[in-house]
Amino acid sequence: MKSTANTAGAASRSGSRRSSLFKSIVIRYDLYLMLLIPIVWYLVFHYGPLYGLQIAFKNFSPAKGIIGSAWVGFDHFERFIESYYFWRLLWNTISINLFSLLIAFPIPICLALLINEIRSKAFSKIVQNITYIPHFISVVVMVGMLMLFLSPRGGPINTVIQAFGGMPVRFLDSAAWFKPIFIGSNIWQNMGWQSIIYIAALSGVNPQLYEAAKMDGASRLQRIWHVSVPGILPVIVILLILDIGHFMNVGFEKILLMQNNLNLEASDVISTFVYSAGILKGEYSYTAAIGLFNSVVNLALLVLVNRFARKKAETSLW
């Protein structure tokens, strides 16, 4: 009898929740209608194309279509892993993202902390505007600027090198210089924009904590380390998880524009290889398998880092 009563009570509560949800939808139908746009967007452009992933396990032929193409199992994955360029592509992709994560990720945090400590609001706005502006430069213009500044013939950087008695350096034609230039230009272009969310998080830190730390004799650096940083730590963890979630994805357009035969050893990554082999050469099944391999690695990293963050920092995406 008691179990029957509990079941009936649970069913009643579930029914009341559904009724209240339906009433809220009816009352605020305009807000729920706005959800249709992102829902349709994700269904059409993100979940719909998942149907085509099966060509990674087939020998896809446009004439036969996805259904008519023959199954080949994991042949394309084995071909990629056993290829001579596998380790080069993997190392270039991982190294660019790893160095970007280690170097570029903390810089927006430091910039936000610096801007938060500026007492003059006018000067703070000037610094923010100066650091934000590069984000709105298109990738094509950015690469054009790099070519102009780093040109061995009349470029400002090489002009300075020659003024000190050095020889011109062909930066963009050197595999050794490709990654520093790519990562450094990304930092300059995106650090201001990425600092916005940290500045917003710092504005939510309780000012009384700063006053209490100041009364306890804490210096400015100590207040930053013991009040500001812990105050935005959940935001830092979430953004770090999101960054690691697309760890294997590199800025495809910028790398492709900067890439040439002389720096291919350092600039050839998985995304550019998928473009050259899949789009230009028409190896759709092979590159679909490579793209799926890339996505599975991203998913595994996301799950592992999210679990680690939930245990250690008690902050996670889910």
C-alpha atoms as a PDB file:
ATOM      1  CA  MET A   1       0.000   0.000   0.000  1.00  0.00           C
ATOM      2  CA  LYS A   2       2.822   2.373   0.888  1.00  0.00           C
ATOM      3  CA  SER A   3       4.654   1.719  -2.405  1.00  0.00           C
ATOM      4  CA  THR A   4       1.421   2.285  -4.322  1.00  0.00           C
ATOM      5  CA  ALA A   5       0.885   5.586  -2.516  1.00  0.00           C
ATOM      6  CA  ASN A   6       4.490   6.657  -3.270  1.00  0.00           C
ATOM      7  CA  THR A   7       4.053   5.789  -6.932  1.00  0.00           C
ATOM      8  CA  ALA A   8       0.815   7.736  -7.092  1.00  0.00           C
ATOM      9  CA  GLY A   9       2.463  10.717  -5.366  1.00  0.00           C
ATOM     10  CA  ALA A  10       5.400  10.667  -7.768  1.00  0.00           C
ATOM     11  CA  ALA A  11       3.047  10.480 -10.749  1.00  0.00           C
ATOM     12  CA  SER A  12       1.035  13.385  -9.364  1.00  0.00           C
ATOM     13  CA  ARG A  13       4.161  15.534  -8.895  1.00  0.00           C
ATOM     14  CA  SER A  14       5.362  14.678 -12.410  1.00  0.00           C
ATOM     15  CA  GLY A  15       1.968  15.612 -13.813  1.00  0.00           C
ATOM     16  CA  SER A  16       1.944  18.928 -11.952  1.00  0.00           C
ATOM     17  CA  ARG A  17       5.434  19.756 -13.249  1.00  0.00           C
ATOM     18  CA  ARG A  18       4.355  19.058 -16.824  1.00  0.00           C
ATOM     19  CA  SER A  19       1.266  21.195 -16.296  1.00  0.00           C
ATOM     20  CA  SER A  20       3.288  24.113 -14.924  1.00  0.00           C
ATOM     21  CA  LEU A  21       5.783  23.814 -17.809  1.00  0.00           C
ATOM     22  CA  PHE A  22       2.930  23.857 -20.343  1.00  0.00           C
ATOM     23  CA  LYS A  23       1.424  26.906 -18.662  1.00  0.00           C
ATOM     24  CA  SER A  24       4.758  28.754 -18.704  1.00  0.00           C
ATOM     25  CA  ILE A  25       5.162  27.926 -22.418  1.00  0.00           C
ATOM     26  CA  VAL A  26       1.682  29.264 -23.163  1.00  0.00           C
ATOM     27  CA  ILE A  27       2.257  32.429 -21.149  1.00  0.00           C
ATOM     28  CA  ARG A  28       5.707  33.190 -22.605  1.00  0.00           C
ATOM     29  CA  TYR A  29       5.202  31.615 -26.016  1.00  0.00           C
ATOM     30  CA  ASP A  30       7.114  34.452 -27.728  1.00  0.00           C
ATOM     31  CA  LEU A  31      10.337  33.579 -25.886  1.00  0.00           C
ATOM     32  CA  TYR A  32       9.951  29.872 -26.640  1.00  0.00           C
ATOM     33  CA  LEU A  33       9.329  30.640 -30.318  1.00  0.00           C
ATOM     34  CA  MET A  34      12.712  32.359 -30.386  1.00  0.00           C
ATOM     35  CA  LEU A  35      14.271  29.004 -29.456  1.00  0.00           C
ATOM     36  CA  LEU A  36      13.108  27.569 -32.784  1.00  0.00           C
ATOM     37  CA  ILE A  37      15.841  29.412 -34.681  1.00  0.00           C
ATOM     38  CA  PRO A  38      18.838  27.904 -32.814  1.00  0.00           C
ATOM     39  CA  ILE A  39      17.087  24.508 -32.599  1.00  0.00           C
ATOM     40  CA  VAL A  40      16.533  24.406 -36.365  1.00  0.00           C
ATOM     41  CA  TRP A  41      20.081  25.659 -36.921  1.00  0.00           C
ATOM     42  CA  TYR A  42      21.591  22.829 -34.868  1.00  0.00           C
ATOM     43  CA  LEU A  43      19.309  20.193 -36.354  1.00  0.00           C
ATOM     44  CA  VAL A  44      20.034  21.197 -39.961  1.00  0.00           C
ATOM     45  CA  PHE A  45      23.708  22.140 -39.818  1.00  0.00           C
ATOM     46  CA  HIS A  46      25.067  20.087 -36.886  1.00  0.00           C
ATOM     47  CA  TYR A  47      22.977  16.965 -36.343  1.00  0.00           C
ATOM     48  CA  GLY A  48      21.699  16.444 -39.883  1.00  0.00           C
ATOM     49  CA  PRO A  49      25.174  16.061 -41.433  1.00  0.00           C
ATOM     50  CA  LEU A  50      25.965  13.274 -38.931  1.00  0.00           C
ATOM     51  CA  TYR A  51      24.118  10.980 -41.344  1.00  0.00           C
ATOM     52  CA  GLY A  52      26.979  11.413 -43.792  1.00  0.00           C
ATOM     53  CA  LEU A  53      29.591  10.168 -41.306  1.00  0.00           C
ATOM     54  CA  GLN A  54      28.976   6.645 -42.528  1.00  0.00           C
ATOM     55  CA  ILE A  55      31.030   7.373 -45.655  1.00  0.00           C
ATOM     56  CA  ALA A  56      34.088   7.150 -43.362  1.00  0.00           C
ATOM     57  CA  PHE A  57      33.380   3.397 -43.289  1.00  0.00           C
ATOM     58  CA  LYS A  58      32.533   3.136 -46.990  1.00  0.00           C
ATOM     59  CA  ASN A  59      34.243   3.531 -50.320  1.00  0.00           C
ATOM     60  CA  PHE A  60      32.041   6.473 -51.215  1.00  0.00           C
ATOM     61  CA  SER A  61      31.175   7.091 -54.841  1.00  0.00           C
ATOM     62  CA  PRO A  62      29.038  10.132 -55.773  1.00  0.00           C
ATOM     63  CA  ALA A  63      27.451   8.080 -58.559  1.00  0.00           C
ATOM     64  CA  LYS A  64      26.276   5.363 -56.158  1.00  0.00           C
ATOM     65  CA  GLY A  65      25.415   7.697 -53.272  1.00  0.00           C
ATOM     66  CA  ILE A  66      25.902   7.098 -49.575  1.00  0.00           C
ATOM     67  CA  ILE A  67      23.581   4.104 -49.363  1.00  0.00           C
ATOM     68  CA  GLY A  68      24.853   2.410 -52.516  1.00  0.00           C
ATOM     69  CA  SER A  69      28.555   2.729 -51.705  1.00  0.00           C
ATOM     70  CA  ALA A  70      30.333  -0.400 -50.496  1.00  0.00           C
ATOM     71  CA  TRP A  71      31.345  -0.864 -46.858  1.00  0.00           C
ATOM     72  CA  VAL A  72      35.074  -1.095 -46.178  1.00  0.00           C
ATOM     73  CA  GLY A  73      35.043  -0.970 -42.363  1.00  0.00           C
ATOM     74  CA  PHE A  74      38.096   0.635 -40.773  1.00  0.00           C
ATOM     75  CA  ASP A  75      40.265   0.524 -43.906  1.00  0.00           C
ATOM     76  CA  HIS A  76      40.476   4.327 -44.196  1.00  0.00           C
ATOM     77  CA  PHE A  77      41.459   4.691 -40.539  1.00  0.00           C
ATOM     78  CA  GLU A  78      44.189   2.077 -40.934  1.00  0.00           C
ATOM     79  CA  ARG A  79      45.462   3.785 -44.075  1.00  0.00           C
ATOM     80  CA  PHE A  80      45.716   7.116 -42.273  1.00  0.00           C
ATOM     81  CA  ILE A  81      47.414   5.740 -39.143  1.00  0.00           C
ATOM     82  CA  GLU A  82      49.907   3.697 -41.202  1.00  0.00           C
ATOM     83  CA  SER A  83      50.716   6.562 -43.597  1.00  0.00           C
ATOM     84  CA  TYR A  84      54.132   8.218 -43.512  1.00  0.00           C
ATOM     85  CA  TYR A  85      52.611  11.675 -42.860  1.00  0.00           C
ATOM     86  CA  PHE A  86      50.442  10.596 -39.887  1.00  0.00           C
ATOM     87  CA  TRP A  87      52.942  11.503 -37.164  1.00  0.00           C
ATOM     88  CA  ARG A  88      53.853  14.778 -38.850  1.00  0.00           C
ATOM     89  CA  LEU A  89      50.214  15.864 -39.080  1.00  0.00           C
ATOM     90  CA  LEU A  90      49.519  14.737 -35.525  1.00  0.00           C
ATOM     91  CA  TRP A  91      52.588  16.442 -34.072  1.00  0.00           C
ATOM     92  CA  ASN A  92      51.978  19.724 -35.914  1.00  0.00           C
ATOM     93  CA  THR A  93      48.325  19.786 -34.825  1.00  0.00           C
ATOM     94  CA  ILE A  94      49.082  18.909 -31.205  1.00  0.00           C
ATOM     95  CA  SER A  95      52.144  21.152 -30.866  1.00  0.00           C
ATOM     96  CA  ILE A  96      50.403  24.245 -32.233  1.00  0.00           C
ATOM     97  CA  ASN A  97      47.428  23.747 -29.919  1.00  0.00           C
ATOM     98  CA  LEU A  98      49.551  22.774 -26.923  1.00  0.00           C
ATOM     99  CA  PHE A  99      51.823  25.813 -27.192  1.00  0.00           C
ATOM    100  CA  SER A 100      48.779  28.012 -27.806  1.00  0.00           C
ATOM    101  CA  LEU A 101      47.142  26.616 -24.672  1.00  0.00           C
ATOM    102  CA  LEU A 102      50.252  27.052 -22.527  1.00  0.00           C
ATOM    103  CA  ILE A 103      51.173  30.520 -23.809  1.00  0.00           C
ATOM    104  CA  ALA A 104      48.029  32.122 -25.218  1.00  0.00           C
ATOM    105  CA  PHE A 105      45.455  30.958 -22.639  1.00  0.00           C
ATOM    106  CA  PRO A 106      46.901  32.783 -19.577  1.00  0.00           C
ATOM    107  CA  ILE A 107      47.525  36.074 -21.410  1.00  0.00           C
ATOM    108  CA  PRO A 108      43.850  37.224 -21.577  1.00  0.00           C
ATOM    109  CA  ILE A 109      43.562  36.412 -17.862  1.00  0.00           C
ATOM    110  CA  CYS A 110      46.605  38.550 -17.057  1.00  0.00           C
ATOM    111  CA  LEU A 111      45.285  41.328 -19.308  1.00  0.00           C
ATOM    112  CA  ALA A 112      41.896  41.269 -17.543  1.00  0.00           C
ATOM    113  CA  LEU A 113      43.582  41.408 -14.130  1.00  0.00           C
ATOM    114  CA  LEU A 114      45.734  44.305 -15.325  1.00  0.00           C
ATOM    115  CA  ILE A 115      42.756  46.259 -16.672  1.00  0.00           C
ATOM    116  CA  ASN A 116      40.820  45.580 -13.469  1.00  0.00           C
ATOM    117  CA  GLU A 117      43.638  47.143 -11.418  1.00  0.00           C
ATOM    118  CA  ILE A 118      43.773  50.352 -13.467  1.00  0.00           C
ATOM    119  CA  ARG A 119      42.328  53.115 -11.321  1.00  0.00           C
ATOM    120  CA  SER A 120      41.669  55.580 -14.163  1.00  0.00           C
ATOM    121  CA  LYS A 121      38.470  54.559 -15.973  1.00  0.00           C
ATOM    122  CA  ALA A 122      39.381  56.639 -19.030  1.00  0.00           C
ATOM    123  CA  PHE A 123      42.777  54.972 -19.384  1.00  0.00           C
ATOM    124  CA  SER A 124      41.170  51.564 -18.754  1.00  0.00           C
ATOM    125  CA  LYS A 125      38.765  52.109 -21.664  1.00  0.00           C
ATOM    126  CA  ILE A 126      41.616  53.186 -23.923  1.00  0.00           C
ATOM    127  CA  VAL A 127      43.564  50.015 -23.098  1.00  0.00           C
ATOM    128  CA  GLN A 128      40.482  47.859 -23.696  1.00  0.00           C
ATOM    129  CA  ASN A 129      39.745  49.480 -27.069  1.00  0.00           C
ATOM    130  CA  ILE A 130      43.349  49.142 -28.222  1.00  0.00           C
ATOM    131  CA  THR A 131      43.440  45.453 -27.338  1.00  0.00           C
ATOM    132  CA  TYR A 132      39.953  44.709 -28.759  1.00  0.00           C
ATOM    133  CA  ILE A 133      40.483  46.253 -32.214  1.00  0.00           C
ATOM    134  CA  PRO A 134      42.784  43.553 -33.700  1.00  0.00           C
ATOM    135  CA  HIS A 135      40.044  40.950 -33.204  1.00  0.00           C
ATOM    136  CA  PHE A 136      37.980  42.614 -35.946  1.00  0.00           C
ATOM    137  CA  ILE A 137      40.744  42.328 -38.537  1.00  0.00           C
ATOM    138  CA  SER A 138      39.867  39.599 -41.033  1.00  0.00           C
ATOM    139  CA  VAL A 139      42.115  36.574 -41.428  1.00  0.00           C
ATOM    140  CA  VAL A 140      43.062  37.547 -44.986  1.00  0.00           C
ATOM    141  CA  VAL A 141      44.056  41.053 -43.912  1.00  0.00           C
ATOM    142  CA  MET A 142      45.979  39.665 -40.935  1.00  0.00           C
ATOM    143  CA  VAL A 143      48.029  37.322 -43.134  1.00  0.00           C
ATOM    144  CA  GLY A 144      48.610  40.178 -45.573  1.00  0.00           C
ATOM    145  CA  MET A 145      49.930  42.301 -42.712  1.00  0.00           C
ATOM    146  CA  LEU A 146      52.274  39.495 -41.659  1.00  0.00           C
ATOM    147  CA  MET A 147      53.580  39.174 -45.213  1.00  0.00           C
ATOM    148  CA  LEU A 148      54.140  42.921 -45.373  1.00  0.00           C
ATOM    149  CA  PHE A 149      55.825  43.283 -41.977  1.00  0.00           C
ATOM    150  CA  LEU A 150      57.975  40.157 -42.345  1.00  0.00           C
ATOM    151  CA  SER A 151      58.918  40.609 -45.984  1.00  0.00           C
ATOM    152  CA  PRO A 152      62.675  40.126 -46.622  1.00  0.00           C
ATOM    153  CA  ARG A 153      62.488  43.019 -49.091  1.00  0.00           C
ATOM    154  CA  GLY A 154      61.652  46.234 -47.295  1.00  0.00           C
ATOM    155  CA  GLY A 155      59.680  44.718 -44.405  1.00  0.00           C
ATOM    156  CA  PRO A 156      59.982  46.702 -41.139  1.00  0.00           C
ATOM    157  CA  ILE A 157      61.318  43.721 -39.168  1.00  0.00           C
ATOM    158  CA  ASN A 158      64.038  42.895 -41.673  1.00  0.00           C
ATOM    159  CA  THR A 159      64.854  46.586 -42.049  1.00  0.00           C
ATOM    160  CA  VAL A 160      65.656  46.705 -38.335  1.00  0.00           C
ATOM    161  CA  ILE A 161      67.670  43.473 -38.586  1.00  0.00           C
ATOM    162  CA  GLN A 162      69.707  44.887 -41.473  1.00  0.00           C
ATOM    163  CA  ALA A 163      70.226  48.151 -39.603  1.00  0.00           C
ATOM    164  CA  PHE A 164      72.042  46.179 -36.896  1.00  0.00           C
ATOM    165  CA  GLY A 165      74.178  44.430 -39.489  1.00  0.00           C
ATOM    166  CA  GLY A 166      72.186  41.228 -39.843  1.00  0.00           C
ATOM    167  CA  MET A 167      71.009  39.409 -42.962  1.00  0.00           C
ATOM    168  CA  PRO A 168      67.346  39.444 -44.044  1.00  0.00           C
ATOM    169  CA  VAL A 169      65.323  36.521 -42.702  1.00  0.00           C
ATOM    170  CA  ARG A 170      62.630  34.839 -44.789  1.00  0.00           C
ATOM    171  CA  PHE A 171      60.297  34.297 -41.834  1.00  0.00           C
ATOM    172  CA  LEU A 172      57.250  32.979 -43.684  1.00  0.00           C
ATOM    173  CA  ASP A 173      59.339  30.598 -45.777  1.00  0.00           C
ATOM    174  CA  SER A 174      60.936  28.991 -42.723  1.00  0.00           C
ATOM    175  CA  ALA A 175      59.438  25.952 -40.990  1.00  0.00           C
ATOM    176  CA  ALA A 176      61.218  26.937 -37.763  1.00  0.00           C
ATOM    177  CA  TRP A 177      59.507  30.341 -37.672  1.00  0.00           C
ATOM    178  CA  PHE A 178      56.009  29.246 -38.699  1.00  0.00           C
ATOM    179  CA  LYS A 179      54.647  28.214 -35.282  1.00  0.00           C
ATOM    180  CA  PRO A 180      56.018  31.236 -33.333  1.00  0.00           C
ATOM    181  CA  ILE A 181      54.578  33.609 -35.938  1.00  0.00           C
ATOM    182  CA  PHE A 182      51.220  31.820 -36.056  1.00  0.00           C
ATOM    183  CA  ILE A 183      50.814  31.619 -32.267  1.00  0.00           C
ATOM    184  CA  GLY A 184      52.187  35.119 -31.626  1.00  0.00           C
ATOM    185  CA  SER A 185      49.879  36.760 -34.157  1.00  0.00           C
ATOM    186  CA  ASN A 186      46.913  34.846 -32.705  1.00  0.00           C
ATOM    187  CA  ILE A 187      47.757  36.153 -29.233  1.00  0.00           C
ATOM    188  CA  TRP A 188      47.968  39.729 -30.465  1.00  0.00           C
ATOM    189  CA  GLN A 189      44.713  39.438 -32.395  1.00  0.00           C
ATOM    190  CA  ASN A 190      42.559  37.670 -29.799  1.00  0.00           C
ATOM    191  CA  MET A 191      43.830  38.499 -26.309  1.00  0.00           C
ATOM    192  CA  GLY A 192      41.705  41.634 -25.940  1.00  0.00           C
ATOM    193  CA  TRP A 193      38.524  39.959 -27.112  1.00  0.00           C
ATOM    194  CA  GLN A 194      39.063  36.884 -24.941  1.00  0.00           C
ATOM    195  CA  SER A 195      39.683  39.056 -21.885  1.00  0.00           C
ATOM    196  CA  ILE A 196      36.127  40.458 -22.007  1.00  0.00           C
ATOM    197  CA  ILE A 197      34.569  37.520 -20.178  1.00  0.00           C
ATOM    198  CA  TYR A 198      37.251  37.639 -17.463  1.00  0.00           C
ATOM    199  CA  ILE A 199      36.699  41.385 -16.989  1.00  0.00           C
ATOM    200  CA  ALA A 200      32.975  40.709 -16.644  1.00  0.00           C
ATOM    201  CA  ALA A 201      33.683  37.968 -14.089  1.00  0.00           C
ATOM    202  CA  LEU A 202      35.972  40.298 -12.107  1.00  0.00           C
ATOM    203  CA  SER A 203      33.210  42.884 -11.918  1.00  0.00           C
ATOM    204  CA  GLY A 204      31.144  40.319 -10.008  1.00  0.00           C
ATOM    205  CA  VAL A 205      33.726  39.780  -7.271  1.00  0.00           C
ATOM    206  CA  ASN A 206      32.497  41.181  -3.937  1.00  0.00           C
ATOM    207  CA  PRO A 207      34.325  44.514  -3.272  1.00  0.00           C
ATOM    208  CA  GLN A 208      34.174  43.796   0.470  1.00  0.00           C
ATOM    209  CA  LEU A 209      36.665  40.977  -0.048  1.00  0.00           C
ATOM    210  CA  TYR A 210      39.207  43.485  -1.379  1.00  0.00           C
ATOM    211  CA  GLU A 211      38.548  45.813   1.552  1.00  0.00           C
ATOM    212  CA  ALA A 212      38.945  42.986   4.063  1.00  0.00           C
ATOM    213  CA  ALA A 213      42.195  41.853   2.442  1.00  0.00           C
ATOM    214  CA  LYS A 214      43.479  45.424   2.409  1.00  0.00           C
ATOM    215  CA  MET A 215      42.683  45.852   6.107  1.00  0.00           C
ATOM    216  CA  ASP A 216      44.574  42.627   6.811  1.00  0.00           C
ATOM    217  CA  GLY A 217      47.655  44.182   5.234  1.00  0.00           C
ATOM    218  CA  ALA A 218      47.581  42.352   1.885  1.00  0.00           C
ATOM    219  CA  SER A 219      49.519  44.030  -0.906  1.00  0.00           C
ATOM    220  CA  ARG A 220      48.026  44.596  -4.341  1.00  0.00           C
ATOM    221  CA  LEU A 221      49.637  41.455  -5.754  1.00  0.00           C
ATOM    222  CA  GLN A 222      48.381  39.449  -2.788  1.00  0.00           C
ATOM    223  CA  ARG A 223      44.852  40.795  -3.310  1.00  0.00           C
ATOM    224  CA  ILE A 224      45.039  39.778  -6.954  1.00  0.00           C
ATOM    225  CA  TRP A 225      46.285  36.289  -6.125  1.00  0.00           C
ATOM    226  CA  HIS A 226      44.018  35.590  -3.143  1.00  0.00           C
ATOM    227  CA  VAL A 227      40.854  37.485  -4.134  1.00  0.00           C
ATOM    228  CA  SER A 228      40.702  38.201  -7.879  1.00  0.00           C
ATOM    229  CA  VAL A 229      42.022  34.889  -9.174  1.00  0.00           C
ATOM    230  CA  PRO A 230      39.837  32.680  -6.901  1.00  0.00           C
ATOM    231  CA  GLY A 231      36.862  34.888  -7.805  1.00  0.00           C
ATOM    232  CA  ILE A 232      37.173  34.088 -11.515  1.00  0.00           C
ATOM    233  CA  LEU A 233      38.547  30.560 -11.137  1.00  0.00           C
ATOM    234  CA  PRO A 234      35.247  28.840 -12.122  1.00  0.00           C
ATOM    235  CA  VAL A 235      35.158  30.897 -15.327  1.00  0.00           C
ATOM    236  CA  ILE A 236      38.797  30.016 -16.055  1.00  0.00           C
ATOM    237  CA  VAL A 237      38.080  26.309 -15.586  1.00  0.00           C
ATOM    238  CA  ILE A 238      35.014  26.380 -17.848  1.00  0.00           C
ATOM    239  CA  LEU A 239      36.851  28.214 -20.632  1.00  0.00           C
ATOM    240  CA  LEU A 240      39.814  25.870 -20.284  1.00  0.00           C
ATOM    241  CA  ILE A 241      37.501  22.877 -20.690  1.00  0.00           C
ATOM    242  CA  LEU A 242      35.933  24.459 -23.779  1.00  0.00           C
ATOM    243  CA  ASP A 243      39.352  25.184 -25.271  1.00  0.00           C
ATOM    244  CA  ILE A 244      40.494  21.606 -24.723  1.00  0.00           C
ATOM    245  CA  GLY A 245      37.201  20.429 -26.251  1.00  0.00           C
ATOM    246  CA  HIS A 246      38.433  21.633 -29.649  1.00  0.00           C
ATOM    247  CA  PHE A 247      42.089  20.953 -28.944  1.00  0.00           C
ATOM    248  CA  MET A 248      42.655  19.184 -32.275  1.00  0.00           C
ATOM    249  CA  ASN A 249      41.094  22.010 -34.294  1.00  0.00           C
ATOM    250  CA  VAL A 250      43.457  24.661 -35.588  1.00  0.00           C
ATOM    251  CA  GLY A 251      42.743  27.939 -37.362  1.00  0.00           C
ATOM    252  CA  PHE A 252      42.336  26.337 -40.796  1.00  0.00           C
ATOM    253  CA  GLU A 253      41.966  29.496 -42.894  1.00  0.00           C
ATOM    254  CA  LYS A 254      44.966  31.286 -41.426  1.00  0.00           C
ATOM    255  CA  ILE A 255      47.238  28.266 -41.667  1.00  0.00           C
ATOM    256  CA  LEU A 256      46.172  27.661 -45.265  1.00  0.00           C
ATOM    257  CA  LEU A 257      46.936  31.277 -46.201  1.00  0.00           C
ATOM    258  CA  MET A 258      50.338  31.178 -44.473  1.00  0.00           C
ATOM    259  CA  GLN A 259      51.249  27.752 -45.827  1.00  0.00           C
ATOM    260  CA  ASN A 260      53.721  27.199 -48.659  1.00  0.00           C
ATOM    261  CA  ASN A 261      56.010  24.422 -49.855  1.00  0.00           C
ATOM    262  CA  LEU A 262      58.948  25.733 -47.817  1.00  0.00           C
ATOM    263  CA  ASN A 263      57.190  25.710 -44.415  1.00  0.00           C
ATOM    264  CA  LEU A 264      54.982  22.655 -45.091  1.00  0.00           C
ATOM    265  CA  GLU A 265      56.971  20.560 -42.634  1.00  0.00           C
ATOM    266  CA  ALA A 266      55.650  22.694 -39.736  1.00  0.00           C
ATOM    267  CA  SER A 267      52.382  24.024 -41.183  1.00  0.00           C
ATOM    268  CA  ASP A 268      50.748  20.847 -42.496  1.00  0.00           C
ATOM    269  CA  VAL A 269      48.013  19.983 -39.958  1.00  0.00           C
ATOM    270  CA  ILE A 270      45.037  17.651 -40.032  1.00  0.00           C
ATOM    271  CA  SER A 271      42.540  20.317 -41.115  1.00  0.00           C
ATOM    272  CA  THR A 272      44.641  21.504 -44.088  1.00  0.00           C
ATOM    273  CA  PHE A 273      45.330  17.906 -45.108  1.00  0.00           C
ATOM    274  CA  VAL A 274      41.595  17.154 -45.049  1.00  0.00           C
ATOM    275  CA  TYR A 275      41.032  20.161 -47.310  1.00  0.00           C
ATOM    276  CA  SER A 276      43.758  19.276 -49.803  1.00  0.00           C
ATOM    277  CA  ALA A 277      42.993  15.549 -49.928  1.00  0.00           C
ATOM    278  CA  GLY A 278      39.213  15.708 -49.535  1.00  0.00           C
ATOM    279  CA  ILE A 279      38.155  18.824 -51.422  1.00  0.00           C
ATOM    280  CA  LEU A 280      40.927  19.205 -53.983  1.00  0.00           C
ATOM    281  CA  LYS A 281      41.609  15.510 -54.664  1.00  0.00           C
ATOM    282  CA  GLY A 282      38.103  14.174 -54.010  1.00  0.00           C
ATOM    283  CA  GLU A 283      39.039  11.488 -51.451  1.00  0.00           C
ATOM    284  CA  TYR A 284      35.820  11.984 -49.511  1.00  0.00           C
ATOM    285  CA  SER A 285      35.699   8.737 -47.554  1.00  0.00           C
ATOM    286  CA  TYR A 286      39.350   8.909 -46.562  1.00  0.00           C
ATOM    287  CA  THR A 287      39.167  12.473 -45.288  1.00  0.00           C
ATOM    288  CA  ALA A 288      35.814  11.794 -43.592  1.00  0.00           C
ATOM    289  CA  ALA A 289      37.590   9.074 -41.609  1.00  0.00           C
ATOM    290  CA  ILE A 290      40.374  11.514 -40.710  1.00  0.00           C
ATOM    291  CA  GLY A 291      37.837  14.116 -39.619  1.00  0.00           C
ATOM    292  CA  LEU A 292      36.002  11.543 -37.508  1.00  0.00           C
ATOM    293  CA  PHE A 293      39.298  10.504 -35.889  1.00  0.00           C
ATOM    294  CA  ASN A 294      39.950  14.163 -35.090  1.00  0.00           C
ATOM    295  CA  SER A 295      36.486  14.627 -33.554  1.00  0.00           C
ATOM    296  CA  VAL A 296      36.725  11.460 -31.447  1.00  0.00           C
ATOM    297  CA  VAL A 297      40.030  12.661 -29.961  1.00  0.00           C
ATOM    298  CA  ASN A 298      38.406  16.031 -29.151  1.00  0.00           C
ATOM    299  CA  LEU A 299      35.447  14.315 -27.500  1.00  0.00           C
ATOM    300  CA  ALA A 300      37.683  12.041 -25.426  1.00  0.00           C
ATOM    301  CA  LEU A 301      39.768  15.000 -24.231  1.00  0.00           C
ATOM    302  CA  LEU A 302      36.636  16.971 -23.374  1.00  0.00           C
ATOM    303  CA  VAL A 303      35.151  14.139 -21.299  1.00  0.00           C
ATOM    304  CA  LEU A 304      38.427  13.455 -19.464  1.00  0.00           C
ATOM    305  CA  VAL A 305      39.184  17.088 -18.665  1.00  0.00           C
ATOM    306  CA  ASN A 306      35.590  17.747 -17.610  1.00  0.00           C
ATOM    307  CA  ARG A 307      35.699  14.771 -15.226  1.00  0.00           C
ATOM    308  CA  PHE A 308      39.050  15.886 -13.820  1.00  0.00           C
ATOM    309  CA  ALA A 309      37.782  19.462 -13.313  1.00  0.00           C
ATOM    310  CA  ARG A 310      34.631  18.204 -11.582  1.00  0.00           C
ATOM    311  CA  LYS A 311      36.714  16.197  -9.099  1.00  0.00           C
ATOM    312  CA  LYS A 312      39.489  18.713  -8.441  1.00  0.00           C
ATOM    313  CA  ALA A 313      37.918  22.138  -8.929  1.00  0.00           C
ATOM    314  CA  GLU A 314      34.232  21.180  -8.409  1.00  0.00           C
ATOM    315  CA  THR A 315      33.441  23.041 -11.625  1.00  0.00           C
ATOM    316  CA  SER A 316      32.447  21.369 -14.894  1.00  0.00           C
ATOM    317  CA  LEU A 317      30.249  21.639 -17.964  1.00  0.00           C
ATOM    318  CA  TRP A 318      28.011  18.804 -16.767  1.00  0.00           C
END
